[in-house]
Amino acid sequence: MFHLPLHENLKVIEKLGGSAADRLMLTTFLRADDNERDFVLAMGHEVNLFRSPYCIKDPSRLIFDEQEDLYTGIWELDGTSLLGSSCKGGTYE
């Protein structure tokens, strides 16, 4: 997520959420608040998967990744989309 533009991140999450895998592990920054800003590919950008436009469902586990504001989430997959239609009501929004 860190090195892809927004539209590619959305495609990846949608595709993986509907895959035959049973778990997904992604990193996210909980304090990042500008998911749609421009970024330099080599430098990456902080992505908050719990904010718009992702609004990803809450993970089954969220682990602090020993870097300021970086977390690893583990999602249990059931073949449905991980992307939400609204960010309201999530634990991490």
N, C-alpha and C. Protein backbone atom coordinates (compact mmCIF):
# COMPACT_ATOMS: atom_id res chain seq x y z
N MET A 1 0.82 -1.19 0.00
CA MET A 1 0.00 0.00 0.00
C MET A 1 0.86 1.25 0.00
N PHE A 2 1.99 1.18 0.61
CA PHE A 2 2.89 2.31 0.78
C PHE A 2 3.46 2.81 -0.54
N HIS A 3 3.64 1.91 -1.50
CA HIS A 3 4.29 2.27 -2.76
C HIS A 3 3.37 2.25 -3.97
N LEU A 4 2.08 2.20 -3.76
CA LEU A 4 1.14 2.21 -4.88
C LEU A 4 0.23 3.42 -4.82
N PRO A 5 -0.20 3.92 -5.97
CA PRO A 5 -1.16 5.02 -5.95
C PRO A 5 -2.53 4.52 -5.49
N LEU A 6 -3.35 5.45 -5.08
CA LEU A 6 -4.66 5.15 -4.53
C LEU A 6 -5.48 4.18 -5.36
N HIS A 7 -5.64 4.44 -6.66
CA HIS A 7 -6.49 3.58 -7.49
C HIS A 7 -5.96 2.14 -7.57
N GLU A 8 -4.64 1.97 -7.52
CA GLU A 8 -4.06 0.62 -7.54
C GLU A 8 -4.28 -0.07 -6.19
N ASN A 9 -4.16 0.67 -5.09
CA ASN A 9 -4.42 0.10 -3.77
C ASN A 9 -5.84 -0.44 -3.67
N LEU A 10 -6.79 0.34 -4.16
CA LEU A 10 -8.19 -0.09 -4.12
C LEU A 10 -8.39 -1.39 -4.90
N LYS A 11 -7.76 -1.49 -6.07
CA LYS A 11 -7.86 -2.72 -6.88
C LYS A 11 -7.27 -3.92 -6.14
N VAL A 12 -6.12 -3.72 -5.54
CA VAL A 12 -5.44 -4.81 -4.82
C VAL A 12 -6.30 -5.30 -3.66
N ILE A 13 -6.81 -4.39 -2.85
CA ILE A 13 -7.63 -4.78 -1.69
C ILE A 13 -8.88 -5.51 -2.14
N GLU A 14 -9.53 -5.01 -3.18
CA GLU A 14 -10.75 -5.65 -3.67
C GLU A 14 -10.46 -7.06 -4.19
N LYS A 15 -9.39 -7.19 -4.94
CA LYS A 15 -9.03 -8.49 -5.51
C LYS A 15 -8.66 -9.50 -4.41
N LEU A 16 -7.86 -9.08 -3.45
CA LEU A 16 -7.44 -9.98 -2.38
C LEU A 16 -8.60 -10.35 -1.46
N GLY A 17 -9.49 -9.40 -1.20
CA GLY A 17 -10.64 -9.68 -0.35
C GLY A 17 -11.55 -10.74 -0.92
N GLY A 18 -11.62 -10.84 -2.23
CA GLY A 18 -12.46 -11.83 -2.89
C GLY A 18 -11.71 -13.09 -3.30
N SER A 19 -10.47 -13.22 -2.87
CA SER A 19 -9.66 -14.37 -3.27
C SER A 19 -9.97 -15.60 -2.41
N ALA A 20 -9.32 -16.69 -2.72
CA ALA A 20 -9.50 -17.93 -1.98
C ALA A 20 -8.65 -17.98 -0.70
N ALA A 21 -7.83 -16.96 -0.49
CA ALA A 21 -6.99 -16.92 0.72
C ALA A 21 -7.88 -16.81 1.95
N ASP A 22 -7.39 -17.26 3.10
CA ASP A 22 -8.20 -17.14 4.31
C ASP A 22 -7.74 -16.01 5.23
N ARG A 23 -6.57 -15.43 4.97
CA ARG A 23 -6.07 -14.30 5.75
C ARG A 23 -5.34 -13.31 4.85
N LEU A 24 -5.31 -12.07 5.30
CA LEU A 24 -4.59 -11.02 4.59
C LEU A 24 -3.85 -10.18 5.62
N MET A 25 -2.60 -9.84 5.32
CA MET A 25 -1.81 -9.00 6.21
C MET A 25 -1.38 -7.75 5.45
N LEU A 26 -1.72 -6.58 6.00
CA LEU A 26 -1.39 -5.29 5.39
C LEU A 26 -0.87 -4.35 6.46
N THR A 27 -0.07 -3.37 6.05
CA THR A 27 0.35 -2.35 6.99
C THR A 27 -0.47 -1.09 6.77
N THR A 28 -0.62 -0.32 7.83
CA THR A 28 -1.38 0.93 7.77
C THR A 28 -0.82 1.91 8.80
N PHE A 29 -1.03 3.17 8.53
CA PHE A 29 -0.65 4.23 9.46
C PHE A 29 -1.95 4.79 10.04
N LEU A 30 -2.12 4.72 11.34
CA LEU A 30 -3.39 5.14 11.93
C LEU A 30 -3.57 6.66 11.99
N ARG A 31 -2.49 7.42 11.97
CA ARG A 31 -2.62 8.88 12.05
C ARG A 31 -2.58 9.56 10.68
N ALA A 32 -2.30 8.83 9.63
CA ALA A 32 -2.27 9.43 8.29
C ALA A 32 -3.68 9.92 7.95
N ASP A 33 -3.77 11.12 7.43
CA ASP A 33 -5.10 11.67 7.18
C ASP A 33 -5.30 12.22 5.77
N ASP A 34 -4.36 11.90 4.86
CA ASP A 34 -4.51 12.38 3.49
C ASP A 34 -4.18 11.26 2.51
N ASN A 35 -5.09 10.34 2.35
CA ASN A 35 -4.89 9.19 1.48
C ASN A 35 -4.84 9.55 0.00
N GLU A 36 -5.31 10.72 -0.36
CA GLU A 36 -5.41 11.08 -1.78
C GLU A 36 -4.33 12.05 -2.24
N ARG A 37 -3.33 12.32 -1.42
CA ARG A 37 -2.28 13.26 -1.83
C ARG A 37 -1.34 12.59 -2.83
N ASP A 38 -0.66 13.41 -3.59
CA ASP A 38 0.31 12.90 -4.55
C ASP A 38 1.51 12.33 -3.80
N PHE A 39 2.19 11.40 -4.42
CA PHE A 39 3.37 10.81 -3.80
C PHE A 39 4.40 10.49 -4.87
N VAL A 40 5.63 10.37 -4.43
CA VAL A 40 6.73 9.97 -5.31
C VAL A 40 6.89 8.47 -5.15
N LEU A 41 6.80 7.73 -6.24
CA LEU A 41 6.79 6.28 -6.19
C LEU A 41 7.90 5.70 -5.32
N ALA A 42 9.12 6.15 -5.49
CA ALA A 42 10.24 5.60 -4.71
C ALA A 42 10.15 5.94 -3.23
N MET A 43 9.52 7.06 -2.91
CA MET A 43 9.43 7.50 -1.52
C MET A 43 8.22 6.90 -0.80
N GLY A 44 7.20 6.56 -1.53
CA GLY A 44 5.99 6.04 -0.93
C GLY A 44 5.18 7.12 -0.24
N HIS A 45 4.15 6.70 0.45
CA HIS A 45 3.31 7.62 1.20
C HIS A 45 2.58 6.85 2.29
N GLU A 46 2.27 7.53 3.37
CA GLU A 46 1.56 6.89 4.48
C GLU A 46 0.09 6.74 4.10
N VAL A 47 -0.42 5.53 4.27
CA VAL A 47 -1.80 5.21 3.93
C VAL A 47 -2.53 4.77 5.19
N ASN A 48 -3.70 5.34 5.42
CA ASN A 48 -4.56 4.92 6.52
C ASN A 48 -5.73 4.17 5.91
N LEU A 49 -5.70 2.86 6.02
CA LEU A 49 -6.71 2.02 5.38
C LEU A 49 -8.09 2.15 6.02
N PHE A 50 -8.16 2.77 7.20
CA PHE A 50 -9.44 2.90 7.90
C PHE A 50 -10.15 4.20 7.54
N ARG A 51 -9.51 5.05 6.77
CA ARG A 51 -10.12 6.31 6.35
C ARG A 51 -10.51 6.24 4.88
N SER A 52 -11.32 7.19 4.48
CA SER A 52 -11.77 7.28 3.10
C SER A 52 -10.57 7.44 2.16
N PRO A 53 -10.61 6.84 1.02
CA PRO A 53 -11.69 6.11 0.38
C PRO A 53 -11.68 4.61 0.66
N TYR A 54 -10.76 4.13 1.49
CA TYR A 54 -10.67 2.70 1.76
C TYR A 54 -11.77 2.20 2.69
N CYS A 55 -11.84 2.80 3.87
CA CYS A 55 -12.84 2.41 4.86
C CYS A 55 -12.83 0.90 5.09
N ILE A 56 -11.63 0.32 5.13
CA ILE A 56 -11.50 -1.13 5.25
C ILE A 56 -12.11 -1.61 6.57
N LYS A 57 -12.66 -2.80 6.55
CA LYS A 57 -13.25 -3.38 7.75
C LYS A 57 -12.19 -3.56 8.83
N ASP A 58 -12.61 -3.57 10.07
CA ASP A 58 -11.67 -3.76 11.17
C ASP A 58 -10.99 -5.13 11.06
N PRO A 59 -9.69 -5.18 11.32
CA PRO A 59 -8.97 -6.45 11.26
C PRO A 59 -9.26 -7.31 12.50
N SER A 60 -8.95 -8.58 12.40
CA SER A 60 -9.09 -9.44 13.57
C SER A 60 -7.96 -9.18 14.57
N ARG A 61 -6.86 -8.63 14.05
CA ARG A 61 -5.73 -8.30 14.92
C ARG A 61 -4.98 -7.11 14.33
N LEU A 62 -4.55 -6.19 15.19
CA LEU A 62 -3.76 -5.04 14.78
C LEU A 62 -2.54 -4.97 15.67
N ILE A 63 -1.37 -5.00 15.07
CA ILE A 63 -0.11 -5.13 15.81
C ILE A 63 0.76 -3.90 15.55
N PHE A 64 1.25 -3.27 16.62
CA PHE A 64 2.18 -2.15 16.49
C PHE A 64 3.47 -2.68 15.89
N ASP A 65 3.99 -1.98 14.88
CA ASP A 65 5.12 -2.49 14.10
C ASP A 65 6.46 -1.84 14.45
N GLU A 66 6.58 -1.34 15.67
CA GLU A 66 7.83 -0.78 16.21
C GLU A 66 8.36 0.42 15.45
N GLN A 67 7.54 1.07 14.68
CA GLN A 67 7.88 2.33 14.02
C GLN A 67 6.72 3.27 14.32
N GLU A 68 7.01 4.51 14.59
CA GLU A 68 5.96 5.45 14.96
C GLU A 68 4.79 5.39 13.99
N ASP A 69 3.63 5.08 14.51
CA ASP A 69 2.35 5.07 13.80
C ASP A 69 2.19 3.97 12.75
N LEU A 70 3.10 3.02 12.65
CA LEU A 70 2.97 1.93 11.67
C LEU A 70 2.41 0.69 12.35
N TYR A 71 1.36 0.12 11.77
CA TYR A 71 0.71 -1.07 12.33
C TYR A 71 0.53 -2.11 11.24
N THR A 72 0.53 -3.36 11.63
CA THR A 72 0.23 -4.47 10.74
C THR A 72 -1.12 -5.03 11.14
N GLY A 73 -2.02 -5.12 10.19
CA GLY A 73 -3.34 -5.69 10.45
C GLY A 73 -3.45 -7.05 9.81
N ILE A 74 -4.19 -7.92 10.48
CA ILE A 74 -4.48 -9.26 9.94
C ILE A 74 -5.99 -9.38 9.81
N TRP A 75 -6.44 -9.64 8.61
CA TRP A 75 -7.86 -9.78 8.32
C TRP A 75 -8.18 -11.23 8.01
N GLU A 76 -9.27 -11.72 8.57
CA GLU A 76 -9.81 -13.04 8.22
C GLU A 76 -10.69 -12.82 6.99
N LEU A 77 -10.44 -13.55 5.93
CA LEU A 77 -11.18 -13.35 4.68
C LEU A 77 -12.31 -14.36 4.55
N ASP A 78 -13.42 -13.88 4.03
CA ASP A 78 -14.59 -14.74 3.84
C ASP A 78 -15.14 -14.66 2.41
N GLY A 79 -14.34 -14.09 1.50
CA GLY A 79 -14.76 -13.98 0.10
C GLY A 79 -15.54 -12.72 -0.21
N THR A 80 -15.81 -11.89 0.80
CA THR A 80 -16.52 -10.65 0.56
C THR A 80 -15.52 -9.49 0.55
N SER A 81 -15.97 -8.35 0.10
CA SER A 81 -15.11 -7.18 -0.01
C SER A 81 -14.67 -6.69 1.37
N LEU A 82 -13.42 -6.28 1.44
CA LEU A 82 -12.90 -5.67 2.67
C LEU A 82 -13.19 -4.18 2.71
N LEU A 83 -13.47 -3.59 1.55
CA LEU A 83 -13.71 -2.16 1.47
C LEU A 83 -15.12 -1.84 1.93
N GLY A 84 -15.22 -0.82 2.76
CA GLY A 84 -16.54 -0.42 3.25
C GLY A 84 -17.13 0.70 2.42
N SER A 85 -18.41 0.89 2.56
CA SER A 85 -19.07 1.99 1.85
C SER A 85 -19.06 3.25 2.70
N SER A 86 -18.82 3.09 4.00
CA SER A 86 -18.79 4.22 4.90
C SER A 86 -17.75 3.97 5.98
N CYS A 87 -17.06 5.01 6.39
CA CYS A 87 -16.06 4.86 7.44
C CYS A 87 -16.66 5.01 8.83
N LYS A 88 -17.91 5.31 8.94
CA LYS A 88 -18.51 5.51 10.24
C LYS A 88 -18.68 4.19 10.97
N GLY A 89 -18.34 4.19 12.24
CA GLY A 89 -18.57 3.04 13.08
C GLY A 89 -17.37 2.12 13.23
N GLY A 90 -16.31 2.32 12.48
CA GLY A 90 -15.13 1.48 12.62
C GLY A 90 -14.34 1.86 13.86
N THR A 91 -13.64 0.92 14.42
CA THR A 91 -12.86 1.13 15.62
C THR A 91 -11.73 2.12 15.39
N TYR A 92 -11.13 2.11 14.23
CA TYR A 92 -9.89 2.85 13.99
C TYR A 92 -10.10 4.15 13.26
N GLU A 93 -11.30 4.52 12.90
CA GLU A 93 -11.55 5.77 12.18
C GLU A 93 -11.50 6.92 13.15
